[in-house]
Amino acid sequence: MTGIIISAVILMAFLGLILGIIIGAFAKIFRVETDPRVELVTELLPGANCGGCGTAGCADFAKSVVAGINPPGKCPVCSAEQVTSIAKALGIEVGSVDKKKAIVRCGGDVNQTKRSATYIGVADCVSASMVGGGFKGCASGCLGLGTCANKCPFGAIEMINSLAVIHEELCVGCGSCVAACPRGVIQLVPADAAVHVYCNSLDKGVDKKKVCNVPCIGCRKCVKAFPDKFIINGFRAEVNYAAEILPTVEEAESVGCPTGALLSAVAHLNIEQNNPDWSPAK
């Protein structure tokens, strides 16, 4: 019996040795050389893995930076200091950093809009939009079920009065919310943009007024006042985010938007937090 046990131990040891040699040989043959610069850049990145740079995550982005495909500044989460550190580590130019932020182009909260139906189902905008196009009277407005807020890795979106509202100080412009919204209500704009038209519908003004108290009716007051800073798209005015100089808060206030669709981001947040039934008439 003892001899059998000893033989078994010897056999297992021999098999282990052979398998170890085989595994070692395969590891050497198929070894993939890694660039130490990729690991260095990965360590310097924030590690959010948000996908805002267009890659699968920080590791893939680091590879693209080392390969010269993407500049360090394309990471929306990186601070200016981090971008500079990465550029110095690789011996490359920092380049221009085009920072973005997200805006929800809708002011139609639960107090300002009409519902076309009662929705009883999964609290998810994608699911709701698949049931007859959604329950909101405006077919282009925010459904307010928080899908974008759940997708935001930085907690920059708050649901207030059944409307997604962005906290600018937390938003890094990663675009996760843009991809999550089934109605295309969210847009990435220049980070220094101070005012926006909070309406996403291209319908005629008279039709929008039937379902919402605060839509853009396409009156063109803003476009006439500042033709280089606002443009008209169908029956909706828009901030010309490509303008050399963006509209200021004072300029937006001077327009006197008749429906209150043109607001500063600060005023929009303040209205939803403190005075949700606000209107220009009041």
C-alpha atoms as a PDB file:
ATOM      1  CA  MET A   1       0.000   0.000   0.000  1.00  0.00           C
ATOM      2  CA  THR A   2       2.834   2.377   0.911  1.00  0.00           C
ATOM      3  CA  GLY A   3       4.528   1.627  -2.425  1.00  0.00           C
ATOM      4  CA  ILE A   4       1.361   2.554  -4.327  1.00  0.00           C
ATOM      5  CA  ILE A   5       1.095   5.885  -2.490  1.00  0.00           C
ATOM      6  CA  ILE A   6       4.756   6.696  -3.147  1.00  0.00           C
ATOM      7  CA  SER A   7       4.348   5.821  -6.832  1.00  0.00           C
ATOM      8  CA  ALA A   8       1.254   8.037  -7.084  1.00  0.00           C
ATOM      9  CA  VAL A   9       3.082  10.965  -5.476  1.00  0.00           C
ATOM     10  CA  ILE A  10       6.033  10.543  -7.803  1.00  0.00           C
ATOM     11  CA  LEU A  11       3.702  10.331 -10.824  1.00  0.00           C
ATOM     12  CA  MET A  12       1.815  13.492  -9.809  1.00  0.00           C
ATOM     13  CA  ALA A  13       5.087  15.331  -9.221  1.00  0.00           C
ATOM     14  CA  PHE A  14       6.351  14.236 -12.625  1.00  0.00           C
ATOM     15  CA  LEU A  15       3.126  15.313 -14.354  1.00  0.00           C
ATOM     16  CA  GLY A  16       3.261  18.650 -12.509  1.00  0.00           C
ATOM     17  CA  LEU A  17       6.826  19.178 -13.686  1.00  0.00           C
ATOM     18  CA  ILE A  18       5.953  18.362 -17.306  1.00  0.00           C
ATOM     19  CA  LEU A  19       2.885  20.641 -17.263  1.00  0.00           C
ATOM     20  CA  GLY A  20       4.910  23.435 -15.660  1.00  0.00           C
ATOM     21  CA  ILE A  21       7.519  23.188 -18.410  1.00  0.00           C
ATOM     22  CA  ILE A  22       4.810  23.224 -21.099  1.00  0.00           C
ATOM     23  CA  ILE A  23       3.014  26.213 -19.573  1.00  0.00           C
ATOM     24  CA  GLY A  24       6.299  28.077 -19.181  1.00  0.00           C
ATOM     25  CA  ALA A  25       7.216  27.412 -22.799  1.00  0.00           C
ATOM     26  CA  PHE A  26       3.821  28.615 -24.063  1.00  0.00           C
ATOM     27  CA  ALA A  27       4.012  31.713 -21.878  1.00  0.00           C
ATOM     28  CA  LYS A  28       7.401  32.548 -23.334  1.00  0.00           C
ATOM     29  CA  ILE A  29       6.368  31.887 -26.933  1.00  0.00           C
ATOM     30  CA  PHE A  30       3.103  33.842 -26.789  1.00  0.00           C
ATOM     31  CA  ARG A  31       4.267  36.581 -24.431  1.00  0.00           C
ATOM     32  CA  VAL A  32       2.931  40.031 -25.386  1.00  0.00           C
ATOM     33  CA  GLU A  33       5.359  42.829 -24.761  1.00  0.00           C
ATOM     34  CA  THR A  34       3.733  45.738 -22.903  1.00  0.00           C
ATOM     35  CA  ASP A  35       4.786  49.332 -23.271  1.00  0.00           C
ATOM     36  CA  PRO A  36       5.650  50.719 -19.817  1.00  0.00           C
ATOM     37  CA  ARG A  37       4.376  54.114 -20.979  1.00  0.00           C
ATOM     38  CA  VAL A  38       0.845  52.705 -21.193  1.00  0.00           C
ATOM     39  CA  GLU A  39       0.959  51.721 -17.530  1.00  0.00           C
ATOM     40  CA  LEU A  40       2.367  55.143 -16.644  1.00  0.00           C
ATOM     41  CA  VAL A  41      -0.427  57.003 -18.475  1.00  0.00           C
ATOM     42  CA  THR A  42      -3.052  54.701 -16.966  1.00  0.00           C
ATOM     43  CA  GLU A  43      -1.798  55.583 -13.485  1.00  0.00           C
ATOM     44  CA  LEU A  44      -1.949  59.308 -14.286  1.00  0.00           C
ATOM     45  CA  LEU A  45      -5.547  59.100 -15.565  1.00  0.00           C
ATOM     46  CA  PRO A  46      -8.463  59.592 -13.133  1.00  0.00           C
ATOM     47  CA  GLY A  47      -9.604  55.979 -13.547  1.00  0.00           C
ATOM     48  CA  ALA A  48     -13.278  56.847 -14.037  1.00  0.00           C
ATOM     49  CA  ASN A  49     -13.674  54.446 -16.999  1.00  0.00           C
ATOM     50  CA  CYS A  50     -16.624  56.574 -18.157  1.00  0.00           C
ATOM     51  CA  GLY A  51     -16.055  56.070 -21.888  1.00  0.00           C
ATOM     52  CA  GLY A  52     -16.346  59.795 -22.557  1.00  0.00           C
ATOM     53  CA  CYS A  53     -13.134  59.716 -24.585  1.00  0.00           C
ATOM     54  CA  GLY A  54     -14.654  57.259 -27.050  1.00  0.00           C
ATOM     55  CA  THR A  55     -12.695  54.219 -25.861  1.00  0.00           C
ATOM     56  CA  ALA A  56     -13.693  51.274 -23.699  1.00  0.00           C
ATOM     57  CA  GLY A  57     -11.984  52.645 -20.600  1.00  0.00           C
ATOM     58  CA  CYS A  58      -8.906  54.324 -19.175  1.00  0.00           C
ATOM     59  CA  ALA A  59      -6.550  51.485 -20.135  1.00  0.00           C
ATOM     60  CA  ASP A  60      -7.628  51.621 -23.777  1.00  0.00           C
ATOM     61  CA  PHE A  61      -7.432  55.402 -23.755  1.00  0.00           C
ATOM     62  CA  ALA A  62      -3.876  55.213 -22.380  1.00  0.00           C
ATOM     63  CA  LYS A  63      -2.915  52.930 -25.268  1.00  0.00           C
ATOM     64  CA  SER A  64      -4.411  55.367 -27.774  1.00  0.00           C
ATOM     65  CA  VAL A  65      -2.536  58.291 -26.231  1.00  0.00           C
ATOM     66  CA  VAL A  66       0.779  56.435 -26.348  1.00  0.00           C
ATOM     67  CA  ALA A  67       0.061  55.442 -29.960  1.00  0.00           C
ATOM     68  CA  GLY A  68      -0.619  59.062 -30.854  1.00  0.00           C
ATOM     69  CA  ILE A  69      -4.254  58.417 -31.777  1.00  0.00           C
ATOM     70  CA  ASN A  70      -5.760  60.612 -29.068  1.00  0.00           C
ATOM     71  CA  PRO A  71      -4.338  63.653 -27.256  1.00  0.00           C
ATOM     72  CA  PRO A  72      -4.303  63.564 -23.432  1.00  0.00           C
ATOM     73  CA  GLY A  73      -6.839  66.379 -23.326  1.00  0.00           C
ATOM     74  CA  LYS A  74      -9.539  64.227 -24.904  1.00  0.00           C
ATOM     75  CA  CYS A  75     -10.217  62.691 -21.506  1.00  0.00           C
ATOM     76  CA  PRO A  76     -13.196  64.710 -20.226  1.00  0.00           C
ATOM     77  CA  VAL A  77     -12.437  63.904 -16.593  1.00  0.00           C
ATOM     78  CA  CYS A  78      -8.776  64.963 -16.574  1.00  0.00           C
ATOM     79  CA  SER A  79      -7.928  68.280 -14.988  1.00  0.00           C
ATOM     80  CA  ALA A  80      -5.522  70.650 -16.708  1.00  0.00           C
ATOM     81  CA  GLU A  81      -2.808  69.508 -14.280  1.00  0.00           C
ATOM     82  CA  GLN A  82      -3.357  65.845 -15.134  1.00  0.00           C
ATOM     83  CA  VAL A  83      -3.271  66.555 -18.866  1.00  0.00           C
ATOM     84  CA  THR A  84      -0.004  68.442 -18.406  1.00  0.00           C
ATOM     85  CA  SER A  85       1.477  65.584 -16.351  1.00  0.00           C
ATOM     86  CA  ILE A  86       0.627  63.040 -19.046  1.00  0.00           C
ATOM     87  CA  ALA A  87       2.057  65.230 -21.799  1.00  0.00           C
ATOM     88  CA  LYS A  88       5.287  65.737 -19.861  1.00  0.00           C
ATOM     89  CA  ALA A  89       5.606  62.030 -19.126  1.00  0.00           C
ATOM     90  CA  LEU A  90       5.323  61.209 -22.838  1.00  0.00           C
ATOM     91  CA  GLY A  91       7.270  64.219 -24.072  1.00  0.00           C
ATOM     92  CA  ILE A  92       4.419  65.503 -26.226  1.00  0.00           C
ATOM     93  CA  GLU A  93       2.539  68.770 -26.591  1.00  0.00           C
ATOM     94  CA  VAL A  94      -0.452  69.351 -24.344  1.00  0.00           C
ATOM     95  CA  GLY A  95      -2.552  70.668 -27.217  1.00  0.00           C
ATOM     96  CA  SER A  96      -5.910  72.371 -26.889  1.00  0.00           C
ATOM     97  CA  VAL A  97      -8.466  71.029 -24.427  1.00  0.00           C
ATOM     98  CA  ASP A  98     -12.073  71.341 -25.614  1.00  0.00           C
ATOM     99  CA  LYS A  99     -14.076  70.882 -22.430  1.00  0.00           C
ATOM    100  CA  LYS A 100     -17.765  70.057 -22.699  1.00  0.00           C
ATOM    101  CA  LYS A 101     -20.728  69.817 -20.372  1.00  0.00           C
ATOM    102  CA  ALA A 102     -24.180  68.355 -20.761  1.00  0.00           C
ATOM    103  CA  ILE A 103     -27.463  70.218 -20.831  1.00  0.00           C
ATOM    104  CA  VAL A 104     -31.002  68.828 -20.768  1.00  0.00           C
ATOM    105  CA  ARG A 105     -32.857  70.789 -23.431  1.00  0.00           C
ATOM    106  CA  CYS A 106     -36.195  70.721 -21.641  1.00  0.00           C
ATOM    107  CA  GLY A 107     -37.897  72.901 -19.062  1.00  0.00           C
ATOM    108  CA  GLY A 108     -41.110  70.921 -19.034  1.00  0.00           C
ATOM    109  CA  ASP A 109     -41.257  69.508 -15.537  1.00  0.00           C
ATOM    110  CA  VAL A 110     -44.319  67.905 -13.995  1.00  0.00           C
ATOM    111  CA  ASN A 111     -45.785  71.351 -13.219  1.00  0.00           C
ATOM    112  CA  GLN A 112     -45.367  72.729 -16.726  1.00  0.00           C
ATOM    113  CA  THR A 113     -46.427  69.895 -19.029  1.00  0.00           C
ATOM    114  CA  LYS A 114     -49.419  67.740 -19.779  1.00  0.00           C
ATOM    115  CA  ARG A 115     -49.438  63.962 -19.900  1.00  0.00           C
ATOM    116  CA  SER A 116     -50.950  62.060 -22.786  1.00  0.00           C
ATOM    117  CA  ALA A 117     -51.317  58.830 -20.806  1.00  0.00           C
ATOM    118  CA  THR A 118     -50.735  57.179 -17.440  1.00  0.00           C
ATOM    119  CA  TYR A 119     -47.637  55.042 -17.369  1.00  0.00           C
ATOM    120  CA  ILE A 120     -47.397  52.098 -14.993  1.00  0.00           C
ATOM    121  CA  GLY A 121     -44.241  50.176 -15.652  1.00  0.00           C
ATOM    122  CA  VAL A 122     -40.487  50.043 -15.191  1.00  0.00           C
ATOM    123  CA  ALA A 123     -39.100  53.399 -14.031  1.00  0.00           C
ATOM    124  CA  ASP A 124     -36.847  53.727 -17.039  1.00  0.00           C
ATOM    125  CA  CYS A 125     -37.064  56.220 -19.900  1.00  0.00           C
ATOM    126  CA  VAL A 126     -36.106  53.658 -22.541  1.00  0.00           C
ATOM    127  CA  SER A 127     -38.830  51.266 -21.388  1.00  0.00           C
ATOM    128  CA  ALA A 128     -41.419  54.047 -21.192  1.00  0.00           C
ATOM    129  CA  SER A 129     -40.565  55.369 -24.650  1.00  0.00           C
ATOM    130  CA  MET A 130     -41.290  51.918 -26.097  1.00  0.00           C
ATOM    131  CA  VAL A 131     -44.883  52.077 -24.860  1.00  0.00           C
ATOM    132  CA  GLY A 132     -46.672  54.277 -27.364  1.00  0.00           C
ATOM    133  CA  GLY A 133     -43.696  56.641 -27.561  1.00  0.00           C
ATOM    134  CA  GLY A 134     -43.990  57.662 -23.919  1.00  0.00           C
ATOM    135  CA  PHE A 135     -46.578  59.211 -21.629  1.00  0.00           C
ATOM    136  CA  LYS A 136     -45.671  62.871 -21.995  1.00  0.00           C
ATOM    137  CA  GLY A 137     -47.725  65.232 -24.120  1.00  0.00           C
ATOM    138  CA  CYS A 138     -44.565  66.594 -25.732  1.00  0.00           C
ATOM    139  CA  ALA A 139     -43.036  63.804 -27.786  1.00  0.00           C
ATOM    140  CA  SER A 140     -39.620  65.466 -27.605  1.00  0.00           C
ATOM    141  CA  GLY A 141     -39.448  66.320 -23.900  1.00  0.00           C
ATOM    142  CA  CYS A 142     -37.673  64.743 -20.960  1.00  0.00           C
ATOM    143  CA  LEU A 143     -39.627  61.749 -19.650  1.00  0.00           C
ATOM    144  CA  GLY A 144     -38.203  62.303 -16.178  1.00  0.00           C
ATOM    145  CA  LEU A 145     -37.714  58.713 -15.072  1.00  0.00           C
ATOM    146  CA  GLY A 146     -34.024  59.156 -14.297  1.00  0.00           C
ATOM    147  CA  THR A 147     -32.287  56.845 -16.763  1.00  0.00           C
ATOM    148  CA  CYS A 148     -29.664  59.508 -17.453  1.00  0.00           C
ATOM    149  CA  ALA A 149     -29.160  60.162 -13.729  1.00  0.00           C
ATOM    150  CA  ASN A 150     -28.584  56.455 -13.122  1.00  0.00           C
ATOM    151  CA  LYS A 151     -26.008  56.346 -15.927  1.00  0.00           C
ATOM    152  CA  CYS A 152     -24.052  59.414 -14.817  1.00  0.00           C
ATOM    153  CA  PRO A 153     -20.871  58.183 -13.081  1.00  0.00           C
ATOM    154  CA  PHE A 154     -20.335  61.540 -11.381  1.00  0.00           C
ATOM    155  CA  GLY A 155     -23.754  62.157  -9.844  1.00  0.00           C
ATOM    156  CA  ALA A 156     -24.142  65.361 -11.871  1.00  0.00           C
ATOM    157  CA  ILE A 157     -27.827  64.817 -12.748  1.00  0.00           C
ATOM    158  CA  GLU A 158     -30.608  65.358 -10.251  1.00  0.00           C
ATOM    159  CA  MET A 159     -34.259  64.518 -10.848  1.00  0.00           C
ATOM    160  CA  ILE A 160     -36.330  67.512  -9.727  1.00  0.00           C
ATOM    161  CA  ASN A 161     -40.073  67.693 -10.362  1.00  0.00           C
ATOM    162  CA  SER A 162     -39.788  64.762 -12.795  1.00  0.00           C
ATOM    163  CA  LEU A 163     -37.182  66.598 -14.866  1.00  0.00           C
ATOM    164  CA  ALA A 164     -33.496  65.853 -15.273  1.00  0.00           C
ATOM    165  CA  VAL A 165     -31.443  68.852 -14.172  1.00  0.00           C
ATOM    166  CA  ILE A 166     -27.658  69.044 -14.486  1.00  0.00           C
ATOM    167  CA  HIS A 167     -25.347  70.381 -11.800  1.00  0.00           C
ATOM    168  CA  GLU A 168     -22.650  72.071 -13.861  1.00  0.00           C
ATOM    169  CA  GLU A 169     -20.025  71.924 -11.137  1.00  0.00           C
ATOM    170  CA  LEU A 170     -20.184  68.112 -11.193  1.00  0.00           C
ATOM    171  CA  CYS A 171     -20.569  67.501 -14.927  1.00  0.00           C
ATOM    172  CA  VAL A 172     -17.385  66.607 -16.819  1.00  0.00           C
ATOM    173  CA  GLY A 173     -18.990  66.140 -20.227  1.00  0.00           C
ATOM    174  CA  CYS A 174     -18.359  62.405 -20.512  1.00  0.00           C
ATOM    175  CA  GLY A 175     -21.510  61.925 -22.605  1.00  0.00           C
ATOM    176  CA  SER A 176     -22.866  58.918 -20.717  1.00  0.00           C
ATOM    177  CA  CYS A 177     -26.206  60.677 -20.271  1.00  0.00           C
ATOM    178  CA  VAL A 178     -26.372  61.634 -23.952  1.00  0.00           C
ATOM    179  CA  ALA A 179     -26.128  57.993 -24.963  1.00  0.00           C
ATOM    180  CA  ALA A 180     -28.673  56.939 -22.327  1.00  0.00           C
ATOM    181  CA  CYS A 181     -31.485  59.334 -23.325  1.00  0.00           C
ATOM    182  CA  PRO A 182     -33.912  57.674 -25.777  1.00  0.00           C
ATOM    183  CA  ARG A 183     -35.320  61.025 -26.899  1.00  0.00           C
ATOM    184  CA  GLY A 184     -32.068  62.869 -27.602  1.00  0.00           C
ATOM    185  CA  VAL A 185     -32.944  65.581 -25.099  1.00  0.00           C
ATOM    186  CA  ILE A 186     -29.399  65.853 -23.725  1.00  0.00           C
ATOM    187  CA  GLN A 187     -26.645  67.639 -25.614  1.00  0.00           C
ATOM    188  CA  LEU A 188     -22.943  68.262 -25.024  1.00  0.00           C
ATOM    189  CA  VAL A 189     -22.068  71.942 -25.329  1.00  0.00           C
ATOM    190  CA  PRO A 190     -18.997  74.093 -24.583  1.00  0.00           C
ATOM    191  CA  ALA A 191     -18.266  74.121 -20.864  1.00  0.00           C
ATOM    192  CA  ASP A 192     -18.240  77.928 -20.773  1.00  0.00           C
ATOM    193  CA  ALA A 193     -21.750  78.293 -22.238  1.00  0.00           C
ATOM    194  CA  ALA A 194     -23.846  80.171 -19.665  1.00  0.00           C
ATOM    195  CA  VAL A 195     -27.309  80.249 -21.261  1.00  0.00           C
ATOM    196  CA  HIS A 196     -29.418  77.720 -23.150  1.00  0.00           C
ATOM    197  CA  VAL A 197     -32.770  77.310 -24.833  1.00  0.00           C
ATOM    198  CA  TYR A 198     -34.554  74.740 -22.681  1.00  0.00           C
ATOM    199  CA  CYS A 199     -36.723  73.198 -25.382  1.00  0.00           C
ATOM    200  CA  ASN A 200     -36.108  70.173 -27.588  1.00  0.00           C
ATOM    201  CA  SER A 201     -39.218  70.228 -29.784  1.00  0.00           C
ATOM    202  CA  LEU A 202     -39.183  71.351 -33.422  1.00  0.00           C
ATOM    203  CA  ASP A 203     -42.986  71.467 -33.601  1.00  0.00           C
ATOM    204  CA  LYS A 204     -44.890  74.665 -34.303  1.00  0.00           C
ATOM    205  CA  GLY A 205     -45.228  77.014 -31.371  1.00  0.00           C
ATOM    206  CA  VAL A 206     -49.012  76.732 -31.218  1.00  0.00           C
ATOM    207  CA  ASP A 207     -48.754  72.928 -30.976  1.00  0.00           C
ATOM    208  CA  LYS A 208     -46.107  73.090 -28.278  1.00  0.00           C
ATOM    209  CA  LYS A 209     -48.176  75.488 -26.189  1.00  0.00           C
ATOM    210  CA  LYS A 210     -50.964  72.917 -26.075  1.00  0.00           C
ATOM    211  CA  VAL A 211     -48.801  70.500 -24.080  1.00  0.00           C
ATOM    212  CA  CYS A 212     -46.191  72.722 -22.377  1.00  0.00           C
ATOM    213  CA  ASN A 213     -46.198  76.094 -20.641  1.00  0.00           C
ATOM    214  CA  VAL A 214     -42.528  76.900 -21.258  1.00  0.00           C
ATOM    215  CA  PRO A 215     -41.594  75.875 -24.810  1.00  0.00           C
ATOM    216  CA  CYS A 216     -39.619  77.825 -27.381  1.00  0.00           C
ATOM    217  CA  ILE A 217     -42.281  79.067 -29.818  1.00  0.00           C
ATOM    218  CA  GLY A 218     -39.793  80.195 -32.453  1.00  0.00           C
ATOM    219  CA  CYS A 219     -40.613  83.902 -32.082  1.00  0.00           C
ATOM    220  CA  ARG A 220     -37.039  84.780 -33.100  1.00  0.00           C
ATOM    221  CA  LYS A 221     -36.654  87.542 -30.508  1.00  0.00           C
ATOM    222  CA  CYS A 222     -33.258  86.194 -29.455  1.00  0.00           C
ATOM    223  CA  VAL A 223     -32.138  85.701 -33.050  1.00  0.00           C
ATOM    224  CA  LYS A 224     -33.137  89.264 -33.996  1.00  0.00           C
ATOM    225  CA  ALA A 225     -31.405  90.721 -30.942  1.00  0.00           C
ATOM    226  CA  PHE A 226     -28.182  88.714 -31.325  1.00  0.00           C
ATOM    227  CA  PRO A 227     -28.067  87.167 -34.826  1.00  0.00           C
ATOM    228  CA  ASP A 228     -24.506  85.951 -34.376  1.00  0.00           C
ATOM    229  CA  LYS A 229     -25.230  84.183 -31.091  1.00  0.00           C
ATOM    230  CA  PHE A 230     -28.565  82.485 -31.763  1.00  0.00           C
ATOM    231  CA  ILE A 231     -29.872  80.495 -34.707  1.00  0.00           C
ATOM    232  CA  ILE A 232     -33.305  79.239 -35.687  1.00  0.00           C
ATOM    233  CA  ASN A 233     -33.917  75.551 -36.392  1.00  0.00           C
ATOM    234  CA  GLY A 234     -37.416  74.926 -37.659  1.00  0.00           C
ATOM    235  CA  PHE A 235     -39.701  76.354 -34.979  1.00  0.00           C
ATOM    236  CA  ARG A 236     -37.032  76.362 -32.282  1.00  0.00           C
ATOM    237  CA  ALA A 237     -34.322  78.872 -31.472  1.00  0.00           C
ATOM    238  CA  GLU A 238     -30.939  77.564 -30.385  1.00  0.00           C
ATOM    239  CA  VAL A 239     -27.782  79.013 -28.936  1.00  0.00           C
ATOM    240  CA  ASN A 240     -25.098  79.142 -31.602  1.00  0.00           C
ATOM    241  CA  TYR A 241     -22.519  77.178 -29.643  1.00  0.00           C
ATOM    242  CA  ALA A 242     -20.074  77.576 -32.521  1.00  0.00           C
ATOM    243  CA  ALA A 243     -20.112  81.373 -32.157  1.00  0.00           C
ATOM    244  CA  GLU A 244     -16.817  83.045 -31.387  1.00  0.00           C
ATOM    245  CA  ILE A 245     -18.411  84.776 -28.406  1.00  0.00           C
ATOM    246  CA  LEU A 246     -21.269  82.979 -26.653  1.00  0.00           C
ATOM    247  CA  PRO A 247     -24.302  84.859 -25.294  1.00  0.00           C
ATOM    248  CA  THR A 248     -24.035  86.167 -21.759  1.00  0.00           C
ATOM    249  CA  VAL A 249     -26.593  85.941 -18.984  1.00  0.00           C
ATOM    250  CA  GLU A 250     -27.259  89.666 -19.279  1.00  0.00           C
ATOM    251  CA  GLU A 251     -27.895  89.374 -23.007  1.00  0.00           C
ATOM    252  CA  ALA A 252     -30.273  86.467 -22.507  1.00  0.00           C
ATOM    253  CA  GLU A 253     -32.201  88.395 -19.884  1.00  0.00           C
ATOM    254  CA  SER A 254     -32.411  91.443 -22.133  1.00  0.00           C
ATOM    255  CA  VAL A 255     -34.166  89.416 -24.827  1.00  0.00           C
ATOM    256  CA  GLY A 256     -37.247  88.929 -22.664  1.00  0.00           C
ATOM    257  CA  CYS A 257     -38.143  85.438 -23.876  1.00  0.00           C
ATOM    258  CA  PRO A 258     -41.976  85.354 -23.795  1.00  0.00           C
ATOM    259  CA  THR A 259     -42.188  81.761 -22.583  1.00  0.00           C
ATOM    260  CA  GLY A 260     -39.082  81.563 -20.410  1.00  0.00           C
ATOM    261  CA  ALA A 261     -37.397  78.918 -22.543  1.00  0.00           C
ATOM    262  CA  LEU A 262     -34.199  80.983 -22.749  1.00  0.00           C
ATOM    263  CA  LEU A 263     -32.510  80.861 -19.365  1.00  0.00           C
ATOM    264  CA  SER A 264     -29.121  80.726 -17.748  1.00  0.00           C
ATOM    265  CA  ALA A 265     -28.162  77.355 -16.307  1.00  0.00           C
ATOM    266  CA  VAL A 266     -28.111  78.903 -12.839  1.00  0.00           C
ATOM    267  CA  ALA A 267     -31.611  80.367 -13.218  1.00  0.00           C
ATOM    268  CA  HIS A 268     -32.954  77.078 -14.592  1.00  0.00           C
ATOM    269  CA  LEU A 269     -31.645  75.130 -11.606  1.00  0.00           C
ATOM    270  CA  ASN A 270     -32.949  77.751  -9.187  1.00  0.00           C
ATOM    271  CA  ILE A 271     -36.434  77.641 -10.729  1.00  0.00           C
ATOM    272  CA  GLU A 272     -36.689  73.871 -10.467  1.00  0.00           C
ATOM    273  CA  GLN A 273     -35.405  73.851  -6.904  1.00  0.00           C
ATOM    274  CA  ASN A 274     -37.417  76.766  -5.535  1.00  0.00           C
ATOM    275  CA  ASN A 275     -40.181  77.891  -7.920  1.00  0.00           C
ATOM    276  CA  PRO A 276     -41.206  75.071 -10.288  1.00  0.00           C
ATOM    277  CA  ASP A 277     -44.509  76.714 -11.339  1.00  0.00           C
ATOM    278  CA  TRP A 278     -42.638  79.840 -12.470  1.00  0.00           C
ATOM    279  CA  SER A 279     -43.677  81.620 -15.661  1.00  0.00           C
ATOM    280  CA  PRO A 280     -42.692  84.925 -17.316  1.00  0.00           C
ATOM    281  CA  ALA A 281     -46.162  86.262 -16.572  1.00  0.00           C
ATOM    282  CA  LYS A 282     -45.676  85.724 -12.831  1.00  0.00           C
END
